[in-house]
Amino acid sequence: MRNILVLGGTRFFGKRLVEKLIQDGDNAVTILTRGITGDDFGDRVTRLAVDRTDEEALTRAAGEMVWDVVYDNICYSPDEAAAAVRIFAGRTKKYILTSSLSVYDPQPEALTEADFDPEHYTLLLGGKTDFSYQEGKRLAETVLLQTADFPVAAVRFPIVLGTDDYTRRLHFHIEHVRDGQPIGIPNPQAAISFIRSDEAADFLYWLGFSLLTGPVNACSDGTLTIGEVISIIEAATGIPAVVRRETADADHSPFGIGESWVMDTAKARSAGFSFLSLSEWFPELVTSLNRSLRAHQ
């Protein structure tokens, strides 16, 4: 029986990960959240209601348990990472940090893990409000990979999409097209990577059994330009989009990047993981979301 701890596991791909873990009868799963968002896991998991930014409370909650895998989906600062290094020292066989494509600056070429190297990055400490999202994730990786006494993998996800996306980033675009509202897109030719929420959960689950460590990119095979995203939405809705390079902030696309921002996944693929085809699932997701939005009008 493997003891698994998931920090943050009650929504989106974290919830999907927990479902996969508890379907495997060889896992004893504990989820640690603030206890604000409910779940439907029933008695299949152990629950710890803790604010992970409270190191003393997190230490008490973790107790003396030795974990086979700790999944950390809610680490946003080097201080939080440093607390994890102290709390789980000698008490986990693997620590998996959910990181982000945001650790990279955009560039025309596909980004490899070497394009941001946390093992040689200057280590700084501070809380979530002391840094941008990008820098917070960079420094969380840096702290864990430079100072932890346990194996660490830092999974760099791009934008995660799905019918269960509570941030509604793809919904935003479909709704704007359907309502004839302008969408702010500074560069329609910029390409971007995506991953589906169930695929993200599948990858995290697989990584818990893998010997892979260090930074690792994870995204669906293929890329789309922002212009292609809009074209797919136009085809699904039958409505032409109103695209502007500049709009009010409320109408600016969550995908509205100035330069291409795509990842190379050779490291994960060479270790044995097979990613989904973006060109296959993305149009299907747009069609599904458009149908759902139309039904609720």
Protein backbone atom coordinates (compact mmCIF):
# COMPACT_ATOMS: atom_id res chain seq x y z
CA MET A 1 0.00 0.00 0.00
CA ARG A 2 1.39 3.38 -1.04
CA ASN A 3 0.76 6.44 1.13
CA ILE A 4 -0.05 9.44 -1.07
CA LEU A 5 -0.51 13.04 0.07
CA VAL A 6 -2.11 15.58 -2.27
CA LEU A 7 -1.85 19.24 -1.34
CA GLY A 8 -4.88 20.72 -3.07
CA GLY A 9 -7.12 18.09 -4.63
CA THR A 10 -10.74 19.21 -4.67
CA ARG A 11 -11.09 20.84 -8.07
CA PHE A 12 -9.97 20.75 -11.69
CA PHE A 13 -7.03 18.46 -12.53
CA GLY A 14 -6.19 18.03 -8.82
CA LYS A 15 -9.60 16.46 -8.28
CA ARG A 16 -9.12 14.25 -11.33
CA LEU A 17 -5.74 13.15 -9.96
CA VAL A 18 -7.28 12.14 -6.63
CA GLU A 19 -9.96 10.14 -8.45
CA LYS A 20 -7.29 8.22 -10.38
CA LEU A 21 -5.29 7.58 -7.23
CA ILE A 22 -8.23 6.19 -5.23
CA GLN A 23 -9.33 4.00 -8.14
CA ASP A 24 -6.00 2.24 -7.65
CA GLY A 25 -6.62 0.02 -4.64
CA ASP A 26 -2.92 0.07 -3.76
CA ASN A 27 -3.03 3.75 -2.73
CA ALA A 28 -4.04 5.23 0.63
CA VAL A 29 -4.82 8.84 -0.30
CA THR A 30 -4.82 11.88 1.97
CA ILE A 31 -5.88 15.30 0.68
CA LEU A 32 -4.84 18.52 2.37
CA THR A 33 -6.87 21.66 1.67
CA ARG A 34 -8.26 24.60 3.59
CA GLY A 35 -11.54 22.69 3.80
CA ILE A 36 -13.46 25.38 1.89
CA THR A 37 -14.25 23.44 -1.28
CA GLY A 38 -16.28 20.29 -0.79
CA ASP A 39 -15.64 16.99 -2.54
CA ASP A 40 -17.44 13.78 -3.34
CA PHE A 41 -14.67 11.35 -2.40
CA GLY A 42 -16.60 10.08 0.61
CA ASP A 43 -14.66 7.74 2.88
CA ARG A 44 -12.20 6.87 0.14
CA VAL A 45 -9.76 9.55 1.29
CA THR A 46 -8.43 10.98 4.52
CA ARG A 47 -8.91 14.75 4.81
CA LEU A 48 -6.69 17.33 6.46
CA ALA A 49 -8.10 20.86 6.72
CA VAL A 50 -5.05 23.13 6.88
CA ASP A 51 -3.84 26.38 5.36
CA ARG A 52 -0.60 25.22 3.73
CA THR A 53 0.95 28.67 4.29
CA ASP A 54 0.79 28.00 8.06
CA GLU A 55 3.96 25.96 8.57
CA GLU A 56 3.20 24.96 12.16
CA ALA A 57 -0.27 23.71 11.24
CA LEU A 58 1.07 21.90 8.20
CA THR A 59 3.75 20.23 10.31
CA ARG A 60 1.16 19.01 12.83
CA ALA A 61 -1.15 17.78 10.08
CA ALA A 62 1.59 15.84 8.28
CA GLY A 63 2.41 14.10 11.56
CA GLU A 64 4.99 11.33 11.52
CA MET A 65 3.75 9.68 8.35
CA VAL A 66 6.24 8.66 5.67
CA TRP A 67 4.80 9.36 2.23
CA ASP A 68 5.57 7.47 -0.94
CA VAL A 69 4.56 10.50 -3.01
CA VAL A 70 3.61 14.06 -2.11
CA TYR A 71 1.80 15.99 -4.86
CA ASP A 72 1.92 19.75 -4.32
CA ASN A 73 -0.58 21.60 -6.51
CA ILE A 74 -0.74 24.76 -4.38
CA CYS A 75 2.84 26.00 -3.92
CA TYR A 76 3.30 29.55 -5.20
CA SER A 77 6.30 30.95 -3.33
CA PRO A 78 9.81 30.05 -2.18
CA ASP A 79 8.74 30.35 1.47
CA GLU A 80 6.08 27.67 0.92
CA ALA A 81 8.63 25.47 -0.83
CA ALA A 82 11.17 25.96 1.97
CA ALA A 83 8.57 24.94 4.54
CA ALA A 84 7.90 21.77 2.55
CA VAL A 85 11.63 20.99 2.46
CA ARG A 86 11.73 21.19 6.26
CA ILE A 87 8.46 19.36 6.95
CA PHE A 88 9.02 16.44 4.57
CA ALA A 89 12.77 16.00 5.09
CA GLY A 90 13.39 12.24 5.28
CA ARG A 91 9.66 11.60 5.04
CA THR A 92 8.82 11.30 1.36
CA LYS A 93 10.21 9.15 -1.41
CA LYS A 94 9.18 11.64 -4.09
CA TYR A 95 7.85 15.19 -4.18
CA ILE A 96 5.98 16.40 -7.27
CA LEU A 97 5.54 20.15 -7.63
CA THR A 98 2.96 21.46 -10.07
CA SER A 99 4.82 24.26 -11.80
CA SER A 100 4.07 26.19 -14.97
CA LEU A 101 5.00 27.18 -18.51
CA SER A 102 5.17 30.64 -16.95
CA VAL A 103 8.69 29.95 -15.63
CA TYR A 104 9.82 30.51 -19.22
CA ASP A 105 9.94 33.76 -21.15
CA PRO A 106 8.24 33.44 -24.56
CA GLN A 107 10.49 32.72 -27.53
CA PRO A 108 10.01 31.60 -31.17
CA GLU A 109 11.52 28.13 -30.59
CA ALA A 110 9.97 25.33 -28.53
CA LEU A 111 11.10 25.63 -24.92
CA THR A 112 13.07 22.79 -23.35
CA GLU A 113 13.62 22.26 -19.65
CA ALA A 114 17.12 23.73 -19.99
CA ASP A 115 15.67 27.12 -20.93
CA PHE A 116 15.04 27.71 -17.23
CA ASP A 117 17.49 25.94 -14.92
CA PRO A 118 16.38 26.17 -11.25
CA GLU A 119 19.41 24.26 -10.02
CA HIS A 120 21.60 27.25 -10.97
CA TYR A 121 19.11 30.06 -10.32
CA THR A 122 19.73 32.56 -7.53
CA LEU A 123 17.78 31.41 -4.49
CA LEU A 124 15.64 34.06 -2.79
CA LEU A 125 13.02 33.63 -0.09
CA GLY A 126 9.72 35.42 0.34
CA GLY A 127 5.98 34.98 0.31
CA LYS A 128 3.46 34.85 -2.50
CA THR A 129 2.87 38.60 -2.50
CA ASP A 130 6.58 39.37 -2.77
CA PHE A 131 6.89 38.04 -6.32
CA SER A 132 5.05 37.81 -9.62
CA TYR A 133 3.42 34.48 -10.43
CA GLN A 134 6.32 33.69 -12.78
CA GLU A 135 9.00 34.48 -10.23
CA GLY A 136 7.15 32.70 -7.43
CA LYS A 137 7.05 29.49 -9.45
CA ARG A 138 10.68 29.89 -10.52
CA LEU A 139 11.80 30.28 -6.93
CA ALA A 140 9.60 27.46 -5.63
CA GLU A 141 11.35 25.15 -8.11
CA THR A 142 14.72 26.61 -7.11
CA VAL A 143 14.22 25.99 -3.40
CA LEU A 144 13.01 22.43 -3.84
CA LEU A 145 15.59 21.35 -6.40
CA GLN A 146 18.54 23.00 -4.65
CA THR A 147 17.79 22.20 -1.01
CA ALA A 148 15.46 19.17 -0.62
CA ASP A 149 16.89 15.88 0.64
CA PHE A 150 14.20 13.95 -1.27
CA PRO A 151 13.73 13.46 -5.04
CA VAL A 152 11.77 16.29 -6.67
CA ALA A 153 10.03 16.61 -10.02
CA ALA A 154 8.69 20.00 -11.14
CA VAL A 155 5.94 19.58 -13.73
CA ARG A 156 5.67 22.54 -16.08
CA PHE A 157 2.09 22.67 -17.37
CA PRO A 158 0.82 25.19 -19.92
CA ILE A 159 -2.76 26.50 -19.74
CA VAL A 160 -4.96 23.60 -18.63
CA LEU A 161 -8.38 23.36 -20.29
CA GLY A 162 -11.47 21.26 -19.76
CA THR A 163 -15.18 21.34 -19.13
CA ASP A 164 -14.26 21.58 -15.43
CA ASP A 165 -12.02 24.66 -15.80
CA TYR A 166 -13.26 26.94 -13.01
CA THR A 167 -11.27 29.86 -14.50
CA ARG A 168 -13.40 29.57 -17.67
CA ARG A 169 -10.64 30.76 -19.99
CA LEU A 170 -11.90 28.93 -23.06
CA HIS A 171 -15.48 29.72 -22.03
CA PHE A 172 -14.48 33.41 -22.18
CA HIS A 173 -13.64 33.18 -25.87
CA ILE A 174 -16.74 31.21 -26.84
CA GLU A 175 -19.01 33.56 -24.90
CA HIS A 176 -17.41 36.64 -26.45
CA VAL A 177 -17.83 35.24 -29.96
CA ARG A 178 -21.43 34.21 -29.32
CA ASP A 179 -22.26 37.65 -27.85
CA GLY A 180 -20.46 39.64 -30.56
CA GLN A 181 -18.08 41.17 -28.03
CA PRO A 182 -14.55 42.18 -29.03
CA ILE A 183 -11.64 39.94 -28.01
CA GLY A 184 -8.26 41.56 -27.44
CA ILE A 185 -5.53 39.55 -29.19
CA PRO A 186 -2.24 41.39 -29.75
CA ASN A 187 -0.71 38.71 -31.99
CA PRO A 188 -3.02 36.16 -33.67
CA GLN A 189 0.04 34.36 -35.08
CA ALA A 190 1.51 33.59 -31.66
CA ALA A 191 1.46 29.84 -30.96
CA ILE A 192 0.70 28.35 -27.56
CA SER A 193 0.68 24.95 -25.85
CA PHE A 194 -2.29 23.48 -23.98
CA ILE A 195 -3.10 20.37 -21.97
CA ARG A 196 -6.50 18.89 -21.09
CA SER A 197 -7.39 18.53 -17.43
CA ASP A 198 -7.73 14.74 -17.52
CA GLU A 199 -4.44 14.49 -19.40
CA ALA A 200 -2.74 16.63 -16.73
CA ALA A 201 -4.07 14.27 -14.06
CA ASP A 202 -2.92 11.24 -16.06
CA PHE A 203 0.56 12.73 -16.32
CA LEU A 204 0.81 13.46 -12.59
CA TYR A 205 -0.39 9.95 -11.79
CA TRP A 206 2.17 8.42 -14.18
CA LEU A 207 4.95 10.58 -12.78
CA GLY A 208 4.26 9.25 -9.29
CA PHE A 209 5.39 5.83 -10.51
CA SER A 210 8.21 7.13 -12.70
CA LEU A 211 11.87 7.62 -11.76
CA LEU A 212 11.84 10.93 -13.65
CA THR A 213 12.99 13.92 -11.58
CA GLY A 214 13.91 17.55 -12.09
CA PRO A 215 11.98 19.93 -14.33
CA VAL A 216 9.72 18.23 -16.88
CA ASN A 217 7.48 19.78 -19.53
CA ALA A 218 4.00 18.32 -20.03
CA CYS A 219 1.61 19.44 -22.76
CA SER A 220 -0.50 17.91 -25.53
CA ASP A 221 1.21 17.10 -28.82
CA GLY A 222 1.05 19.99 -31.26
CA THR A 223 0.35 23.69 -30.92
CA LEU A 224 -2.27 26.19 -32.03
CA THR A 225 -1.93 29.83 -32.86
CA ILE A 226 -4.36 32.13 -31.12
CA GLY A 227 -5.84 32.87 -34.53
CA GLU A 228 -6.46 29.15 -35.08
CA VAL A 229 -8.17 28.95 -31.68
CA ILE A 230 -10.54 31.71 -32.76
CA SER A 231 -11.17 30.03 -36.14
CA ILE A 232 -12.15 26.78 -34.41
CA ILE A 233 -14.58 28.71 -32.19
CA GLU A 234 -16.03 30.49 -35.23
CA ALA A 235 -16.60 27.13 -36.93
CA ALA A 236 -18.33 25.68 -33.85
CA THR A 237 -20.57 28.69 -33.23
CA GLY A 238 -21.17 29.75 -36.82
CA ILE A 239 -20.48 33.33 -35.74
CA PRO A 240 -17.55 35.51 -36.86
CA ALA A 241 -15.32 36.74 -34.06
CA VAL A 242 -14.64 40.41 -33.41
CA VAL A 243 -10.87 40.49 -32.88
CA ARG A 244 -9.01 43.64 -31.86
CA ARG A 245 -5.35 44.14 -31.08
CA GLU A 246 -6.31 46.45 -28.22
CA THR A 247 -9.41 46.32 -26.05
CA ALA A 248 -10.52 47.11 -22.53
CA ASP A 249 -8.84 44.87 -19.97
CA ALA A 250 -12.08 42.95 -19.39
CA ASP A 251 -12.12 41.89 -23.05
CA HIS A 252 -8.44 40.97 -23.35
CA SER A 253 -7.95 37.29 -24.21
CA PRO A 254 -6.46 35.07 -21.49
CA PHE A 255 -4.56 33.54 -24.41
CA GLY A 256 -3.52 36.96 -25.76
CA ILE A 257 0.25 36.61 -25.73
CA GLY A 258 2.62 38.77 -27.72
CA GLU A 259 5.01 35.99 -28.77
CA SER A 260 4.87 32.22 -29.19
CA TRP A 261 5.02 30.24 -25.95
CA VAL A 262 5.28 26.50 -26.63
CA MET A 263 7.05 23.61 -24.94
CA ASP A 264 9.09 20.64 -26.08
CA THR A 265 8.12 17.39 -24.31
CA ALA A 266 10.97 15.13 -25.47
CA LYS A 267 12.08 14.44 -21.89
CA ALA A 268 8.70 13.08 -20.81
CA ARG A 269 8.09 11.22 -24.07
CA SER A 270 11.50 9.54 -23.95
CA ALA A 271 10.63 8.36 -20.42
CA GLY A 272 7.54 6.64 -21.78
CA PHE A 273 4.57 9.01 -21.55
CA SER A 274 2.31 9.46 -24.59
CA PHE A 275 0.51 12.79 -24.87
CA LEU A 276 -2.85 13.42 -26.51
CA SER A 277 -3.13 15.16 -29.88
CA LEU A 278 -4.16 18.78 -29.40
CA SER A 279 -5.61 18.97 -32.91
CA GLU A 280 -8.00 16.12 -32.05
CA TRP A 281 -9.31 17.10 -28.64
CA PHE A 282 -9.38 20.89 -28.85
CA PRO A 283 -12.16 21.18 -31.48
CA GLU A 284 -14.16 18.54 -29.60
CA LEU A 285 -13.87 20.55 -26.38
CA VAL A 286 -14.93 23.77 -28.11
CA THR A 287 -17.97 21.99 -29.57
CA SER A 288 -18.89 20.55 -26.18
CA LEU A 289 -18.57 23.88 -24.37
CA ASN A 290 -20.50 25.74 -27.07
CA ARG A 291 -23.32 23.21 -26.86
CA SER A 292 -23.41 23.56 -23.06
CA LEU A 293 -23.43 27.36 -23.19
CA ARG A 294 -26.19 27.35 -25.80
CA ALA A 295 -28.32 25.01 -23.67
CA HIS A 296 -28.06 27.36 -20.68
CA GLN A 297 -28.99 30.54 -22.53
